[in-house]
Amino acid sequence: MKQKKAKVDRKQIIDFIRTPKGKAVLFFSFYLVFFLVVAIIARISTGNPLGSTNYQSNSTNYHLSSIQNRNYQFSYQYMVDDVSTIYTGSRKNLKASFSDGVTSYYQNGNLTMKLQDGIWIKCDSPYLVSYLLDDVGIENVLQKATYVSKTELATGDVTLQYQITTTTLVQLIDGIDVDLDDVVNTIEIKENKNREITEINYDISSYAKYRGLCFNQFLLNLSYSHFDEIEAIEDPT
C-alpha cells in the first residue's frame, strides 16, 4: 500500500513540474541552491584567498640581494602634489654619482657634494625621505610591513604588494613613537625572472601629509638596472 502511495506521489510531483507553476518553482529552487553554493565558496575564500588578499606579516618573499650589492644604475622619481623630480645615476658601494637634470651630485656615505659654478661644494642630500632609498632602510621598512599579495606573470616577473602604517613609518624614519589613526601607506616591489628588484614603488601620502611634505600625494618610484656592471665612481676633482 505504501509502495503504491509513493508511486502516486512521484507521479503527482512529475505532473506538477510539467505545469507552468511547477517549472517556475523548479527554476527558482535551482537558482536558490546555486547562489547558496556561491555564497559558501565566497565565505571560505575570504579566509584564505588567492592573490590579492592573502594577508600575512613579515613575509620574506622579496629578494634584496640585487640592491644590497650596491652596484647598479638607478632612477629615483618623486611625484609630490603632481610635481615630478627625477634623479638618475650610478652607485658602487658607498659612492654614487647622479643628477636631477640640472645639478650634478656626488655622494660618498654621509658626504654629499654638488657641482656649482664649476666647483664641487659640500651640501645636504637633495633626496626627500632618503631613508627609503637606502637598502638598509628598505629592509627595515619591509620587515615591519604587512604582506598583501603576489602576482606572477608568465615571463617570470613578480609583483609583491605590502602595506605599512604611518605610525610605523614615523617610528622607523623619525624615531618617534606616535599613535595615529591613519590611512595605510603602500609598497610595491617588482622583480624580474632572475629575482632582481627592478622597481620599488612607494605611496607614502599618509606619512608625507603627517610630516608636512605634501598636501595630497607623495609617490616615490625607485628603478634599478645594470646590476654589477658599474666599474667605478670617479671622485670630484
Protein backbone atom coordinates (compact mmCIF):
# COMPACT_ATOMS: atom_id res chain seq x y z
CA MET A 1 0.00 0.00 0.00
CA LYS A 2 2.82 2.35 0.92
CA GLN A 3 4.65 1.50 -2.32
CA LYS A 4 1.55 2.33 -4.36
CA LYS A 5 1.15 5.64 -2.49
CA ALA A 6 4.85 6.51 -3.16
CA LYS A 7 4.36 5.87 -6.88
CA VAL A 8 1.31 8.11 -6.88
CA ASP A 9 3.28 10.86 -5.08
CA ARG A 10 6.11 10.69 -7.60
CA LYS A 11 3.65 10.84 -10.48
CA GLN A 12 1.94 13.85 -8.91
CA ILE A 13 5.31 15.60 -8.48
CA ILE A 14 6.29 14.91 -12.09
CA ASP A 15 2.92 16.13 -13.34
CA PHE A 16 3.25 19.24 -11.17
CA ILE A 17 6.75 20.01 -12.51
CA ARG A 18 5.40 19.86 -16.06
CA THR A 19 2.92 22.63 -15.29
CA PRO A 20 3.95 26.33 -15.70
CA LYS A 21 3.74 26.80 -11.93
CA GLY A 22 5.87 23.73 -11.32
CA LYS A 23 8.51 24.86 -13.81
CA ALA A 24 8.71 28.24 -12.07
CA VAL A 25 9.17 26.62 -8.66
CA LEU A 26 11.89 24.34 -10.07
CA PHE A 27 13.64 27.32 -11.72
CA PHE A 28 13.76 29.42 -8.57
CA SER A 29 14.77 26.42 -6.44
CA PHE A 30 17.74 25.77 -8.72
CA TYR A 31 18.98 29.35 -8.53
CA LEU A 32 18.45 29.45 -4.76
CA VAL A 33 20.76 26.43 -4.39
CA PHE A 34 23.24 27.94 -6.89
CA PHE A 35 23.57 31.26 -5.06
CA LEU A 36 23.80 29.47 -1.72
CA VAL A 37 26.76 27.45 -3.00
CA VAL A 38 28.41 30.60 -4.39
CA ALA A 39 27.97 32.38 -1.04
CA ILE A 40 29.55 29.48 0.84
CA ILE A 41 32.53 29.39 -1.55
CA ALA A 42 33.00 33.16 -1.26
CA ARG A 43 32.95 32.98 2.54
CA ILE A 44 35.54 30.21 2.55
CA SER A 45 37.73 32.14 0.07
CA THR A 46 37.71 35.21 2.31
CA GLY A 47 39.56 33.26 4.98
CA ASN A 48 42.37 32.17 2.63
CA PRO A 49 42.00 33.97 -0.72
CA LEU A 50 44.22 33.57 -3.69
CA GLY A 51 46.37 36.50 -4.80
CA SER A 52 45.30 39.95 -3.73
CA THR A 53 44.01 39.37 -0.20
CA ASN A 54 46.31 36.77 1.30
CA TYR A 55 47.50 38.75 4.32
CA GLN A 56 50.42 37.71 6.47
CA SER A 57 53.01 39.68 8.41
CA ASN A 58 56.77 39.87 7.93
CA SER A 59 56.80 37.94 4.67
CA THR A 60 60.27 37.38 3.19
CA ASN A 61 59.07 36.78 -0.35
CA TYR A 62 61.19 39.66 -1.61
CA HIS A 63 64.86 39.33 -2.65
CA LEU A 64 67.00 42.33 -1.69
CA SER A 65 70.43 40.97 -2.65
CA SER A 66 70.45 42.74 -6.03
CA ILE A 67 70.32 46.17 -4.38
CA GLN A 68 72.20 45.16 -1.24
CA ASN A 69 75.21 44.51 -3.50
CA ARG A 70 75.21 48.30 -4.12
CA ASN A 71 76.27 48.14 -7.74
CA TYR A 72 73.67 49.38 -10.22
CA GLN A 73 72.26 52.24 -12.24
CA PHE A 74 69.22 53.90 -10.76
CA SER A 75 66.40 56.35 -11.35
CA TYR A 76 64.52 57.87 -8.43
CA GLN A 77 61.32 59.70 -9.32
CA TYR A 78 59.41 61.80 -6.80
CA MET A 79 55.84 62.82 -7.55
CA VAL A 80 54.82 65.31 -4.87
CA ASP A 81 51.46 67.00 -5.44
CA ASP A 82 51.87 66.48 -9.22
CA VAL A 83 55.38 67.99 -9.24
CA SER A 84 57.87 65.46 -10.63
CA THR A 85 61.59 65.36 -9.83
CA ILE A 86 63.85 62.64 -11.24
CA TYR A 87 67.37 61.75 -10.16
CA THR A 88 69.36 59.37 -12.36
CA GLY A 89 72.81 57.98 -11.71
CA SER A 90 75.03 55.08 -10.73
CA ARG A 91 76.11 53.56 -7.45
CA LYS A 92 79.02 51.39 -6.40
CA ASN A 93 79.43 50.55 -2.73
CA LEU A 94 79.17 53.82 -0.72
CA LYS A 95 79.76 56.06 -3.72
CA ALA A 96 77.16 57.43 -6.12
CA SER A 97 77.10 59.92 -8.95
CA PHE A 98 73.75 61.36 -10.02
CA SER A 99 71.90 64.34 -11.45
CA ASP A 100 68.42 65.86 -11.44
CA GLY A 101 68.93 67.10 -14.99
CA VAL A 102 70.18 70.49 -13.78
CA THR A 103 72.63 69.85 -10.95
CA SER A 104 75.25 67.10 -10.71
CA TYR A 105 75.81 65.41 -7.33
CA TYR A 106 78.40 63.14 -5.77
CA GLN A 107 77.80 61.01 -2.70
CA ASN A 108 80.19 59.01 -0.53
CA GLY A 109 78.46 57.64 2.55
CA ASN A 110 77.10 60.62 4.50
CA LEU A 111 79.03 63.12 2.38
CA THR A 112 77.09 64.80 -0.43
CA MET A 113 78.56 67.35 -2.84
CA LYS A 114 77.16 69.25 -5.80
CA LEU A 115 78.76 70.93 -8.77
CA GLN A 116 78.18 74.68 -8.59
CA ASP A 117 79.86 77.13 -10.99
CA GLY A 118 82.44 74.51 -11.84
CA ILE A 119 83.33 73.82 -8.20
CA TRP A 120 82.30 70.86 -6.07
CA ILE A 121 80.88 72.05 -2.76
CA LYS A 122 79.50 70.20 0.23
CA CYS A 123 75.69 70.21 0.50
CA ASP A 124 72.75 68.44 2.07
CA SER A 125 71.28 65.40 0.37
CA PRO A 126 68.68 66.52 -2.18
CA TYR A 127 66.60 63.40 -1.55
CA LEU A 128 63.35 63.66 0.39
CA VAL A 129 62.86 60.81 2.87
CA SER A 130 66.26 59.37 1.95
CA TYR A 131 65.68 56.54 4.46
CA LEU A 132 63.50 54.84 1.84
CA LEU A 133 66.32 54.83 -0.74
CA ASP A 134 68.98 53.02 1.27
CA ASP A 135 68.94 49.22 1.20
CA VAL A 136 69.12 49.07 5.00
CA GLY A 137 66.10 51.37 5.29
CA ILE A 138 64.22 49.41 2.64
CA GLU A 139 64.78 46.16 4.52
CA ASN A 140 63.72 47.71 7.84
CA VAL A 141 60.51 49.02 6.30
CA LEU A 142 59.66 45.71 4.60
CA GLN A 143 60.24 43.77 7.81
CA LYS A 144 57.62 45.94 9.52
CA ALA A 145 55.22 45.99 6.57
CA THR A 146 52.28 43.64 6.06
CA TYR A 147 52.33 41.40 3.01
CA VAL A 148 49.21 41.76 0.87
CA SER A 149 49.56 39.95 -2.43
CA LYS A 150 51.76 38.39 -5.08
CA THR A 151 51.24 38.47 -8.84
CA GLU A 152 53.42 36.30 -11.06
CA LEU A 153 53.49 36.73 -14.83
CA ALA A 154 54.21 34.11 -17.47
CA THR A 155 57.55 35.85 -18.09
CA GLY A 156 58.64 35.01 -14.55
CA ASP A 157 58.35 38.61 -13.37
CA VAL A 158 56.81 39.03 -9.92
CA THR A 159 54.97 41.92 -8.25
CA LEU A 160 54.63 42.00 -4.47
CA GLN A 161 52.30 44.32 -2.56
CA TYR A 162 52.75 45.49 1.03
CA GLN A 163 51.11 47.94 3.42
CA ILE A 164 52.57 49.88 6.32
CA THR A 165 51.01 52.36 8.73
CA THR A 166 52.18 55.93 9.20
CA THR A 167 52.67 55.17 12.89
CA THR A 168 55.28 52.55 11.95
CA LEU A 169 56.99 54.80 9.40
CA VAL A 170 57.28 57.60 11.94
CA GLN A 171 58.91 55.17 14.37
CA LEU A 172 61.37 53.89 11.75
CA ILE A 173 62.23 57.11 9.92
CA ASP A 174 61.87 59.76 12.61
CA GLY A 175 62.46 57.70 15.74
CA ILE A 176 59.27 58.99 17.35
CA ASP A 177 56.52 56.95 18.98
CA VAL A 178 53.07 58.17 17.97
CA ASP A 179 49.61 56.65 17.88
CA LEU A 180 47.80 57.64 14.70
CA ASP A 181 44.51 56.51 13.23
CA ASP A 182 45.58 56.86 9.63
CA VAL A 183 45.27 55.51 6.12
CA VAL A 184 47.94 52.93 5.36
CA ASN A 185 50.84 53.56 3.00
CA THR A 186 51.61 51.07 0.24
CA ILE A 187 54.76 49.50 -1.15
CA GLU A 188 55.04 47.64 -4.45
CA ILE A 189 58.09 45.58 -5.39
CA LYS A 190 58.76 44.34 -8.90
CA GLU A 191 61.28 41.57 -9.54
CA ASN A 192 62.45 40.08 -12.83
CA LYS A 193 62.78 36.37 -13.51
CA ASN A 194 66.30 36.45 -12.05
CA ARG A 195 64.79 37.68 -8.73
CA GLU A 196 66.46 41.07 -9.15
CA ILE A 197 64.44 44.04 -7.90
CA THR A 198 63.79 46.32 -10.85
CA GLU A 199 61.32 48.69 -9.16
CA ILE A 200 60.09 49.75 -5.76
CA ASN A 201 57.01 51.97 -5.73
CA TYR A 202 56.02 53.81 -2.58
CA ASP A 203 52.77 55.63 -1.96
CA ILE A 204 53.53 57.29 1.38
CA SER A 205 50.96 60.06 1.03
CA SER A 206 49.61 59.45 4.54
CA TYR A 207 53.06 59.68 6.12
CA ALA A 208 54.08 62.67 3.99
CA LYS A 209 50.92 64.60 4.90
CA TYR A 210 51.57 63.94 8.57
CA ARG A 211 55.14 65.20 8.13
CA GLY A 212 54.01 68.23 6.11
CA LEU A 213 55.88 67.10 2.99
CA CYS A 214 52.83 67.28 0.73
CA PHE A 215 49.22 68.40 0.65
CA ASN A 216 47.68 65.44 -1.16
CA GLN A 217 50.06 62.92 -2.69
CA PHE A 218 53.61 61.67 -2.28
CA LEU A 219 54.74 58.92 -4.65
CA LEU A 220 58.28 57.59 -4.99
CA ASN A 221 59.47 55.25 -7.72
CA LEU A 222 62.88 53.58 -7.45
CA SER A 223 64.11 51.88 -10.63
CA TYR A 224 67.24 49.71 -10.87
CA SER A 225 69.19 48.25 -13.78
CA HIS A 226 72.70 47.17 -14.93
CA PHE A 227 73.40 45.23 -11.76
CA ASP A 228 77.11 44.58 -11.01
CA GLU A 229 78.17 46.50 -14.14
CA ILE A 230 79.47 49.70 -12.50
CA GLU A 231 83.27 49.55 -12.51
CA ALA A 232 83.99 52.77 -10.61
CA ILE A 233 82.56 56.10 -9.45
CA GLU A 234 85.01 58.93 -10.05
CA ASP A 235 85.72 61.27 -7.13
CA PRO A 236 85.15 65.00 -7.69
CA THR A 237 88.24 66.87 -8.92
